[in-house]
Amino acid sequence: MDLFDRAALKAKIQQGLAPIKNKILVLSGKGGVGKSTVAVHLSVALADRGLQVGLLDVDLHGPSIPLMLGLAGRRAEVKDGALIPIEYNPNLKVFSIPFILEGTDTAVIWRGPRKGGAIRQLLSDVQWGPLDYLIVDAPPGTGDEPLSIAQTIPGVKALVVTTPQGVSVEDVRRSLQFLKKVNLPLLGIVENMSVLTCPHCGQEIELFKRGGGEALAREWGVPFLGRIPLEPELVAEADSGHPYFRGHETTAAALAFLRMAEAVYQQSHLTDPIPSQKD
């Protein structure tokens, strides 16, 4: 692609994303910390309050958003040369790379430059329309995908997910250094899998310690957006394609996700109070 084509693609991306008020990139320093779980529940919580939300999954090698939202096997439509996101509900649109692959088990084997190009093409071709939020679920680490997004989406901010354990927190430190180098604003840090709530006695068990994410937020002087406990039903619901809010509204994890969404809303510099949850 020559410089003219790159400039034209960049202009097309900026034009397509212009009607979107807030863009949030969900990152993690390592895999297995529940980054996609956070992205899904943040998106659903904001959409449940009447906000228009888009959820873009750019984890090209391990896309899990379709499974977690019960959209596995769906195919995206093409209209007037644009890819149309799949509607999860009237307030939430979703797009993920499996929506345009031949089969759900198709492996994506791409090198770095091609992955960056694929992400830019997705940002160019997916037609979101006006949104209050676009949540972008990135693969773990600080590689080509997060870098492509940081360099391509105007006004994007990062939300970093960690678990409390030391190895995860150290990986997040590298993510924070990455954000600093690419001048990507940090919305805040979420500590996932903070404690395990015993389903039999209700006692909290600190599987991965507790407080590592909050301590890191204090160290860096950035907002701490919440602590999400680990509950066995949360894993089962994700595998069956149901967000945890459905039927588990009063559990500690569901309430923690709602508080996180409120904190994200407030940190996104919107002046109006977050709308009340719809009946």
C-alpha atoms as a PDB file:
ATOM      1  CA  MET A   1       0.000   0.000   0.000  1.00  0.00           C
ATOM      2  CA  ASP A   2       1.522   3.343  -1.050  1.00  0.00           C
ATOM      3  CA  LEU A   3       1.404   6.587   0.921  1.00  0.00           C
ATOM      4  CA  PHE A   4      -1.637   7.839  -0.996  1.00  0.00           C
ATOM      5  CA  ASP A   5      -3.612   4.677  -0.197  1.00  0.00           C
ATOM      6  CA  ARG A   6      -2.579   4.850   3.476  1.00  0.00           C
ATOM      7  CA  ALA A   7      -3.667   8.473   3.716  1.00  0.00           C
ATOM      8  CA  ALA A   8      -6.996   7.672   2.048  1.00  0.00           C
ATOM      9  CA  LEU A   9      -7.573   4.731   4.410  1.00  0.00           C
ATOM     10  CA  LYS A  10      -6.734   6.875   7.447  1.00  0.00           C
ATOM     11  CA  ALA A  11      -9.147   9.566   6.291  1.00  0.00           C
ATOM     12  CA  LYS A  12     -11.876   6.946   5.763  1.00  0.00           C
ATOM     13  CA  ILE A  13     -11.319   5.558   9.268  1.00  0.00           C
ATOM     14  CA  GLN A  14     -11.485   8.999  10.861  1.00  0.00           C
ATOM     15  CA  GLN A  15     -14.645   9.813   8.947  1.00  0.00           C
ATOM     16  CA  GLY A  16     -16.301   6.536   9.948  1.00  0.00           C
ATOM     17  CA  LEU A  17     -15.385   6.928  13.626  1.00  0.00           C
ATOM     18  CA  ALA A  18     -16.313  10.606  13.838  1.00  0.00           C
ATOM     19  CA  PRO A  19     -19.912   9.938  15.044  1.00  0.00           C
ATOM     20  CA  ILE A  20     -18.568   7.917  18.017  1.00  0.00           C
ATOM     21  CA  LYS A  21     -18.261   9.955  21.209  1.00  0.00           C
ATOM     22  CA  ASN A  22     -15.967   7.688  23.267  1.00  0.00           C
ATOM     23  CA  LYS A  23     -13.490   5.027  22.155  1.00  0.00           C
ATOM     24  CA  ILE A  24     -12.056   2.638  24.762  1.00  0.00           C
ATOM     25  CA  LEU A  25      -9.322   0.047  24.151  1.00  0.00           C
ATOM     26  CA  VAL A  26      -9.437  -2.816  26.685  1.00  0.00           C
ATOM     27  CA  LEU A  27      -5.898  -4.121  27.250  1.00  0.00           C
ATOM     28  CA  SER A  28      -4.080  -6.629  29.443  1.00  0.00           C
ATOM     29  CA  GLY A  29      -0.423  -7.367  29.964  1.00  0.00           C
ATOM     30  CA  LYS A  30      -0.965 -11.134  29.711  1.00  0.00           C
ATOM     31  CA  GLY A  31      -3.618 -13.617  28.678  1.00  0.00           C
ATOM     32  CA  GLY A  32      -6.061 -15.306  31.017  1.00  0.00           C
ATOM     33  CA  VAL A  33      -6.900 -12.297  33.177  1.00  0.00           C
ATOM     34  CA  GLY A  34     -10.487 -11.916  31.941  1.00  0.00           C
ATOM     35  CA  LYS A  35      -9.973  -8.985  29.588  1.00  0.00           C
ATOM     36  CA  SER A  36     -12.717 -10.101  27.204  1.00  0.00           C
ATOM     37  CA  THR A  37     -15.042 -10.767  30.143  1.00  0.00           C
ATOM     38  CA  VAL A  38     -14.532  -7.190  31.295  1.00  0.00           C
ATOM     39  CA  ALA A  39     -15.069  -5.840  27.759  1.00  0.00           C
ATOM     40  CA  VAL A  40     -18.317  -7.801  27.329  1.00  0.00           C
ATOM     41  CA  HIS A  41     -19.822  -6.832  30.687  1.00  0.00           C
ATOM     42  CA  LEU A  42     -18.781  -3.211  30.331  1.00  0.00           C
ATOM     43  CA  SER A  43     -20.475  -3.080  26.924  1.00  0.00           C
ATOM     44  CA  VAL A  44     -23.655  -4.792  28.104  1.00  0.00           C
ATOM     45  CA  ALA A  45     -23.886  -2.656  31.263  1.00  0.00           C
ATOM     46  CA  LEU A  46     -23.586   0.583  29.278  1.00  0.00           C
ATOM     47  CA  ALA A  47     -26.068  -0.625  26.652  1.00  0.00           C
ATOM     48  CA  ASP A  48     -28.562  -1.668  29.344  1.00  0.00           C
ATOM     49  CA  ARG A  49     -28.707   1.975  30.395  1.00  0.00           C
ATOM     50  CA  GLY A  50     -29.876   3.148  27.024  1.00  0.00           C
ATOM     51  CA  LEU A  51     -26.483   4.140  25.632  1.00  0.00           C
ATOM     52  CA  GLN A  52     -25.564   3.194  22.068  1.00  0.00           C
ATOM     53  CA  VAL A  53     -22.548   0.873  22.246  1.00  0.00           C
ATOM     54  CA  GLY A  54     -20.341  -0.953  19.762  1.00  0.00           C
ATOM     55  CA  LEU A  55     -18.069  -3.854  20.759  1.00  0.00           C
ATOM     56  CA  LEU A  56     -15.208  -4.616  18.367  1.00  0.00           C
ATOM     57  CA  ASP A  57     -13.151  -7.775  18.924  1.00  0.00           C
ATOM     58  CA  VAL A  58      -9.700  -7.430  17.329  1.00  0.00           C
ATOM     59  CA  ASP A  59      -8.154 -10.452  19.020  1.00  0.00           C
ATOM     60  CA  LEU A  60      -7.417 -12.060  15.648  1.00  0.00           C
ATOM     61  CA  HIS A  61      -5.967 -15.298  17.032  1.00  0.00           C
ATOM     62  CA  GLY A  62      -8.274 -15.937  19.996  1.00  0.00           C
ATOM     63  CA  PRO A  63     -11.587 -14.145  19.461  1.00  0.00           C
ATOM     64  CA  SER A  64     -13.969 -15.059  22.299  1.00  0.00           C
ATOM     65  CA  ILE A  65     -16.583 -12.297  22.133  1.00  0.00           C
ATOM     66  CA  PRO A  66     -18.973 -14.224  19.786  1.00  0.00           C
ATOM     67  CA  LEU A  67     -19.073 -17.217  22.149  1.00  0.00           C
ATOM     68  CA  MET A  68     -19.563 -15.089  25.260  1.00  0.00           C
ATOM     69  CA  LEU A  69     -22.517 -13.247  23.710  1.00  0.00           C
ATOM     70  CA  GLY A  70     -24.142 -16.266  22.062  1.00  0.00           C
ATOM     71  CA  LEU A  71     -23.251 -15.049  18.555  1.00  0.00           C
ATOM     72  CA  ALA A  72     -20.950 -17.874  17.485  1.00  0.00           C
ATOM     73  CA  GLY A  73     -21.619 -19.004  13.921  1.00  0.00           C
ATOM     74  CA  ARG A  74     -23.212 -15.734  12.848  1.00  0.00           C
ATOM     75  CA  ARG A  75     -22.118 -14.094   9.584  1.00  0.00           C
ATOM     76  CA  ALA A  76     -21.836 -10.377   8.970  1.00  0.00           C
ATOM     77  CA  GLU A  77     -23.713  -8.797   6.093  1.00  0.00           C
ATOM     78  CA  VAL A  78     -22.121  -6.524   3.527  1.00  0.00           C
ATOM     79  CA  LYS A  79     -24.123  -3.488   2.435  1.00  0.00           C
ATOM     80  CA  ASP A  80     -22.869  -0.920  -0.071  1.00  0.00           C
ATOM     81  CA  GLY A  81     -19.319  -2.148   0.470  1.00  0.00           C
ATOM     82  CA  ALA A  82     -19.487  -1.843   4.275  1.00  0.00           C
ATOM     83  CA  LEU A  83     -19.509  -4.583   6.922  1.00  0.00           C
ATOM     84  CA  ILE A  84     -22.616  -4.413   9.117  1.00  0.00           C
ATOM     85  CA  PRO A  85     -22.122  -5.257  12.819  1.00  0.00           C
ATOM     86  CA  ILE A  86     -24.357  -7.918  14.300  1.00  0.00           C
ATOM     87  CA  GLU A  87     -27.003  -6.561  16.650  1.00  0.00           C
ATOM     88  CA  TYR A  88     -26.901  -8.181  20.082  1.00  0.00           C
ATOM     89  CA  ASN A  89     -29.754  -5.959  21.240  1.00  0.00           C
ATOM     90  CA  PRO A  90     -31.116  -2.589  20.078  1.00  0.00           C
ATOM     91  CA  ASN A  91     -28.378  -0.732  21.977  1.00  0.00           C
ATOM     92  CA  LEU A  92     -25.382  -3.018  21.385  1.00  0.00           C
ATOM     93  CA  LYS A  93     -23.705  -3.884  18.082  1.00  0.00           C
ATOM     94  CA  VAL A  94     -20.866  -6.405  17.854  1.00  0.00           C
ATOM     95  CA  PHE A  95     -18.192  -7.243  15.318  1.00  0.00           C
ATOM     96  CA  SER A  96     -15.511  -9.943  15.467  1.00  0.00           C
ATOM     97  CA  ILE A  97     -13.217 -11.534  12.878  1.00  0.00           C
ATOM     98  CA  PRO A  98     -15.093 -14.920  12.924  1.00  0.00           C
ATOM     99  CA  PHE A  99     -18.111 -13.104  11.453  1.00  0.00           C
ATOM    100  CA  ILE A 100     -16.266 -12.928   8.104  1.00  0.00           C
ATOM    101  CA  LEU A 101     -14.291 -16.207   8.175  1.00  0.00           C
ATOM    102  CA  GLU A 102     -15.398 -19.324   6.320  1.00  0.00           C
ATOM    103  CA  GLY A 103     -15.764 -21.451   9.466  1.00  0.00           C
ATOM    104  CA  THR A 104     -15.786 -20.998  13.223  1.00  0.00           C
ATOM    105  CA  ASP A 105     -12.650 -23.163  13.582  1.00  0.00           C
ATOM    106  CA  THR A 106     -10.639 -21.322  10.925  1.00  0.00           C
ATOM    107  CA  ALA A 107      -7.187 -20.376  12.200  1.00  0.00           C
ATOM    108  CA  VAL A 108      -5.833 -16.905  11.474  1.00  0.00           C
ATOM    109  CA  ILE A 109      -2.113 -17.246  10.665  1.00  0.00           C
ATOM    110  CA  TRP A 110      -0.835 -13.755   9.961  1.00  0.00           C
ATOM    111  CA  ARG A 111       2.427 -11.974  10.605  1.00  0.00           C
ATOM    112  CA  GLY A 112       2.659  -8.582  12.309  1.00  0.00           C
ATOM    113  CA  PRO A 113       2.295  -6.194   9.344  1.00  0.00           C
ATOM    114  CA  ARG A 114      -0.680  -8.117   7.990  1.00  0.00           C
ATOM    115  CA  LYS A 115      -2.389  -8.088  11.396  1.00  0.00           C
ATOM    116  CA  GLY A 116      -2.013  -4.327  11.604  1.00  0.00           C
ATOM    117  CA  GLY A 117      -3.414  -4.003   8.098  1.00  0.00           C
ATOM    118  CA  ALA A 118      -6.366  -6.241   8.952  1.00  0.00           C
ATOM    119  CA  ILE A 119      -7.243  -4.113  11.971  1.00  0.00           C
ATOM    120  CA  ARG A 120      -7.055  -0.909   9.957  1.00  0.00           C
ATOM    121  CA  GLN A 121      -9.277  -2.511   7.317  1.00  0.00           C
ATOM    122  CA  LEU A 122     -11.819  -3.507   9.972  1.00  0.00           C
ATOM    123  CA  LEU A 123     -11.819   0.007  11.379  1.00  0.00           C
ATOM    124  CA  SER A 124     -12.363   1.299   7.869  1.00  0.00           C
ATOM    125  CA  ASP A 125     -14.999  -1.168   6.659  1.00  0.00           C
ATOM    126  CA  VAL A 126     -17.230  -1.784   9.687  1.00  0.00           C
ATOM    127  CA  GLN A 127     -20.113   0.677   9.650  1.00  0.00           C
ATOM    128  CA  TRP A 128     -21.047   1.559  13.239  1.00  0.00           C
ATOM    129  CA  GLY A 129     -22.990   4.769  12.819  1.00  0.00           C
ATOM    130  CA  PRO A 130     -23.444   7.128  15.798  1.00  0.00           C
ATOM    131  CA  LEU A 131     -22.383   5.583  19.119  1.00  0.00           C
ATOM    132  CA  ASP A 132     -21.894   6.761  22.682  1.00  0.00           C
ATOM    133  CA  TYR A 133     -19.141   4.157  23.145  1.00  0.00           C
ATOM    134  CA  LEU A 134     -16.978   1.898  21.022  1.00  0.00           C
ATOM    135  CA  ILE A 135     -15.323  -0.760  23.204  1.00  0.00           C
ATOM    136  CA  VAL A 136     -12.360  -2.444  21.493  1.00  0.00           C
ATOM    137  CA  ASP A 137     -11.219  -5.784  22.902  1.00  0.00           C
ATOM    138  CA  ALA A 138      -7.526  -6.168  22.037  1.00  0.00           C
ATOM    139  CA  PRO A 139      -5.343  -9.283  22.320  1.00  0.00           C
ATOM    140  CA  PRO A 140      -3.043  -9.478  25.360  1.00  0.00           C
ATOM    141  CA  GLY A 141       0.357  -7.855  25.382  1.00  0.00           C
ATOM    142  CA  THR A 142       1.831  -4.805  23.674  1.00  0.00           C
ATOM    143  CA  GLY A 143       2.201  -6.078  20.115  1.00  0.00           C
ATOM    144  CA  ASP A 144       0.984  -5.067  16.692  1.00  0.00           C
ATOM    145  CA  GLU A 145      -2.752  -5.030  17.388  1.00  0.00           C
ATOM    146  CA  PRO A 146      -2.773  -2.531  20.306  1.00  0.00           C
ATOM    147  CA  LEU A 147      -0.149  -0.442  18.512  1.00  0.00           C
ATOM    148  CA  SER A 148      -2.256  -0.321  15.328  1.00  0.00           C
ATOM    149  CA  ILE A 149      -5.283   0.827  17.305  1.00  0.00           C
ATOM    150  CA  ALA A 150      -3.319   3.427  19.252  1.00  0.00           C
ATOM    151  CA  GLN A 151      -1.976   4.872  16.014  1.00  0.00           C
ATOM    152  CA  THR A 152      -5.251   4.681  14.097  1.00  0.00           C
ATOM    153  CA  ILE A 153      -8.253   5.547  16.306  1.00  0.00           C
ATOM    154  CA  PRO A 154      -8.428   9.259  17.123  1.00  0.00           C
ATOM    155  CA  GLY A 155      -9.159  10.003  20.772  1.00  0.00           C
ATOM    156  CA  VAL A 156      -9.015   6.390  21.975  1.00  0.00           C
ATOM    157  CA  LYS A 157      -8.328   5.759  25.671  1.00  0.00           C
ATOM    158  CA  ALA A 158      -7.110   2.596  27.363  1.00  0.00           C
ATOM    159  CA  LEU A 159      -8.651   0.489  30.112  1.00  0.00           C
ATOM    160  CA  VAL A 160      -6.156  -2.021  31.535  1.00  0.00           C
ATOM    161  CA  VAL A 161      -7.236  -5.302  33.157  1.00  0.00           C
ATOM    162  CA  THR A 162      -5.114  -7.234  35.641  1.00  0.00           C
ATOM    163  CA  THR A 163      -5.450  -9.894  38.306  1.00  0.00           C
ATOM    164  CA  PRO A 164      -4.050  -9.187  41.789  1.00  0.00           C
ATOM    165  CA  GLN A 165      -1.113 -11.600  41.539  1.00  0.00           C
ATOM    166  CA  GLY A 166       2.393 -10.208  41.202  1.00  0.00           C
ATOM    167  CA  VAL A 167       3.186 -11.717  37.783  1.00  0.00           C
ATOM    168  CA  SER A 168       0.091 -10.127  36.241  1.00  0.00           C
ATOM    169  CA  VAL A 169       0.778  -6.762  37.857  1.00  0.00           C
ATOM    170  CA  GLU A 170       4.334  -6.786  36.501  1.00  0.00           C
ATOM    171  CA  ASP A 171       3.011  -7.455  33.002  1.00  0.00           C
ATOM    172  CA  VAL A 172       0.615  -4.539  33.427  1.00  0.00           C
ATOM    173  CA  ARG A 173       3.550  -2.296  34.288  1.00  0.00           C
ATOM    174  CA  ARG A 174       4.885  -3.030  30.806  1.00  0.00           C
ATOM    175  CA  SER A 175       1.478  -2.200  29.358  1.00  0.00           C
ATOM    176  CA  LEU A 176       1.518   1.132  31.170  1.00  0.00           C
ATOM    177  CA  GLN A 177       4.982   1.859  29.796  1.00  0.00           C
ATOM    178  CA  PHE A 178       3.661   1.001  26.334  1.00  0.00           C
ATOM    179  CA  LEU A 179       0.771   3.428  26.747  1.00  0.00           C
ATOM    180  CA  LYS A 180       3.185   6.128  27.868  1.00  0.00           C
ATOM    181  CA  LYS A 181       5.439   5.610  24.850  1.00  0.00           C
ATOM    182  CA  VAL A 182       2.584   5.798  22.345  1.00  0.00           C
ATOM    183  CA  ASN A 183       0.884   8.695  24.186  1.00  0.00           C
ATOM    184  CA  LEU A 184      -2.331   6.765  24.707  1.00  0.00           C
ATOM    185  CA  PRO A 185      -4.410   8.178  27.616  1.00  0.00           C
ATOM    186  CA  LEU A 186      -5.230   5.721  30.391  1.00  0.00           C
ATOM    187  CA  LEU A 187      -8.837   5.641  31.552  1.00  0.00           C
ATOM    188  CA  GLY A 188      -8.003   3.417  34.522  1.00  0.00           C
ATOM    189  CA  ILE A 189      -7.200  -0.061  35.870  1.00  0.00           C
ATOM    190  CA  VAL A 190      -9.619  -2.898  36.674  1.00  0.00           C
ATOM    191  CA  GLU A 191      -8.628  -5.702  39.054  1.00  0.00           C
ATOM    192  CA  ASN A 192     -10.336  -8.923  37.939  1.00  0.00           C
ATOM    193  CA  MET A 193     -10.535 -12.225  39.837  1.00  0.00           C
ATOM    194  CA  SER A 194      -9.921 -10.307  43.031  1.00  0.00           C
ATOM    195  CA  VAL A 195     -11.370 -12.981  45.313  1.00  0.00           C
ATOM    196  CA  LEU A 196     -13.281 -16.237  44.898  1.00  0.00           C
ATOM    197  CA  THR A 197     -16.637 -16.317  46.646  1.00  0.00           C
ATOM    198  CA  CYS A 198     -17.296 -19.845  47.922  1.00  0.00           C
ATOM    199  CA  PRO A 199     -20.650 -21.009  46.489  1.00  0.00           C
ATOM    200  CA  HIS A 200     -21.341 -23.063  49.641  1.00  0.00           C
ATOM    201  CA  CYS A 201     -20.482 -20.801  52.553  1.00  0.00           C
ATOM    202  CA  GLY A 202     -20.067 -17.385  50.918  1.00  0.00           C
ATOM    203  CA  GLN A 203     -16.571 -16.950  52.332  1.00  0.00           C
ATOM    204  CA  GLU A 204     -14.081 -14.958  50.226  1.00  0.00           C
ATOM    205  CA  ILE A 205     -10.926 -16.834  49.220  1.00  0.00           C
ATOM    206  CA  GLU A 206      -7.940 -14.841  47.963  1.00  0.00           C
ATOM    207  CA  LEU A 207      -6.758 -17.150  45.164  1.00  0.00           C
ATOM    208  CA  PHE A 208      -4.453 -14.543  43.584  1.00  0.00           C
ATOM    209  CA  LYS A 209      -3.953 -12.276  46.619  1.00  0.00           C
ATOM    210  CA  ARG A 210      -5.889  -9.021  46.633  1.00  0.00           C
ATOM    211  CA  GLY A 211      -5.220  -5.368  45.920  1.00  0.00           C
ATOM    212  CA  GLY A 212      -2.415  -5.614  43.354  1.00  0.00           C
ATOM    213  CA  GLY A 213      -4.322  -3.648  40.711  1.00  0.00           C
ATOM    214  CA  GLU A 214      -5.429  -0.982  43.162  1.00  0.00           C
ATOM    215  CA  ALA A 215      -1.879  -0.581  44.481  1.00  0.00           C
ATOM    216  CA  LEU A 216      -0.572  -0.210  40.926  1.00  0.00           C
ATOM    217  CA  ALA A 217      -3.198   2.445  40.197  1.00  0.00           C
ATOM    218  CA  ARG A 218      -2.070   4.396  43.259  1.00  0.00           C
ATOM    219  CA  GLU A 219       1.573   4.008  42.252  1.00  0.00           C
ATOM    220  CA  TRP A 220       0.925   5.429  38.787  1.00  0.00           C
ATOM    221  CA  GLY A 221      -1.573   8.018  39.946  1.00  0.00           C
ATOM    222  CA  VAL A 222      -4.365   6.710  37.681  1.00  0.00           C
ATOM    223  CA  PRO A 223      -8.016   5.888  38.430  1.00  0.00           C
ATOM    224  CA  PHE A 224      -8.851   2.510  39.925  1.00  0.00           C
ATOM    225  CA  LEU A 225     -12.092   1.435  38.240  1.00  0.00           C
ATOM    226  CA  GLY A 226     -13.067  -1.481  40.401  1.00  0.00           C
ATOM    227  CA  ARG A 227     -12.427  -4.950  41.766  1.00  0.00           C
ATOM    228  CA  ILE A 228     -14.297  -7.896  40.191  1.00  0.00           C
ATOM    229  CA  PRO A 229     -14.631 -11.102  42.254  1.00  0.00           C
ATOM    230  CA  LEU A 230     -14.420 -14.540  40.662  1.00  0.00           C
ATOM    231  CA  GLU A 231     -17.619 -16.572  40.833  1.00  0.00           C
ATOM    232  CA  PRO A 232     -18.011 -20.080  39.341  1.00  0.00           C
ATOM    233  CA  GLU A 233     -21.353 -19.217  37.727  1.00  0.00           C
ATOM    234  CA  LEU A 234     -19.690 -16.374  35.831  1.00  0.00           C
ATOM    235  CA  VAL A 235     -17.486 -18.859  33.957  1.00  0.00           C
ATOM    236  CA  ALA A 236     -20.423 -21.138  33.145  1.00  0.00           C
ATOM    237  CA  GLU A 237     -22.556 -18.255  31.879  1.00  0.00           C
ATOM    238  CA  ALA A 238     -19.749 -17.009  29.619  1.00  0.00           C
ATOM    239  CA  ASP A 239     -19.366 -20.466  28.067  1.00  0.00           C
ATOM    240  CA  SER A 240     -23.115 -20.626  27.407  1.00  0.00           C
ATOM    241  CA  GLY A 241     -23.226 -17.179  25.785  1.00  0.00           C
ATOM    242  CA  HIS A 242     -25.029 -15.277  28.541  1.00  0.00           C
ATOM    243  CA  PRO A 243     -23.704 -12.106  30.231  1.00  0.00           C
ATOM    244  CA  TYR A 244     -23.689 -12.487  33.996  1.00  0.00           C
ATOM    245  CA  PHE A 245     -26.312  -9.793  34.567  1.00  0.00           C
ATOM    246  CA  ARG A 246     -29.073 -12.056  33.315  1.00  0.00           C
ATOM    247  CA  GLY A 247     -30.442 -13.851  36.369  1.00  0.00           C
ATOM    248  CA  HIS A 248     -27.524 -12.942  38.645  1.00  0.00           C
ATOM    249  CA  GLU A 249     -28.257  -9.252  39.147  1.00  0.00           C
ATOM    250  CA  THR A 250     -27.655  -9.225  42.916  1.00  0.00           C
ATOM    251  CA  THR A 251     -24.420 -11.244  43.015  1.00  0.00           C
ATOM    252  CA  ALA A 252     -21.164  -9.615  44.059  1.00  0.00           C
ATOM    253  CA  ALA A 253     -19.648  -9.966  40.581  1.00  0.00           C
ATOM    254  CA  ALA A 254     -22.669  -8.473  38.774  1.00  0.00           C
ATOM    255  CA  LEU A 255     -22.780  -5.515  41.156  1.00  0.00           C
ATOM    256  CA  ALA A 256     -19.023  -5.034  40.732  1.00  0.00           C
ATOM    257  CA  PHE A 257     -19.403  -4.928  36.943  1.00  0.00           C
ATOM    258  CA  LEU A 258     -22.132  -2.306  37.286  1.00  0.00           C
ATOM    259  CA  ARG A 259     -19.935  -0.175  39.569  1.00  0.00           C
ATOM    260  CA  MET A 260     -17.097  -0.514  37.056  1.00  0.00           C
ATOM    261  CA  ALA A 261     -19.371   0.689  34.249  1.00  0.00           C
ATOM    262  CA  GLU A 262     -20.391   3.673  36.358  1.00  0.00           C
ATOM    263  CA  ALA A 263     -16.725   4.498  37.040  1.00  0.00           C
ATOM    264  CA  VAL A 264     -15.861   4.207  33.338  1.00  0.00           C
ATOM    265  CA  TYR A 265     -18.776   6.463  32.456  1.00  0.00           C
ATOM    266  CA  GLN A 266     -17.623   9.097  34.925  1.00  0.00           C
ATOM    267  CA  GLN A 267     -13.982   8.880  33.774  1.00  0.00           C
ATOM    268  CA  SER A 268     -14.987   9.311  30.128  1.00  0.00           C
ATOM    269  CA  HIS A 269     -15.709  12.974  30.882  1.00  0.00           C
ATOM    270  CA  LEU A 270     -19.383  12.872  30.024  1.00  0.00           C
ATOM    271  CA  THR A 271     -21.138  15.618  31.942  1.00  0.00           C
ATOM    272  CA  ASP A 272     -24.588  14.070  32.319  1.00  0.00           C
ATOM    273  CA  PRO A 273     -25.249  11.478  35.065  1.00  0.00           C
ATOM    274  CA  ILE A 274     -25.427   7.917  33.806  1.00  0.00           C
ATOM    275  CA  PRO A 275     -29.019   7.003  32.899  1.00  0.00           C
ATOM    276  CA  SER A 276     -30.919   4.729  35.265  1.00  0.00           C
ATOM    277  CA  GLN A 277     -31.136   1.093  34.250  1.00  0.00           C
ATOM    278  CA  LYS A 278     -34.156   0.388  32.096  1.00  0.00           C
ATOM    279  CA  ASP A 279     -37.013  -1.689  33.476  1.00  0.00           C
END
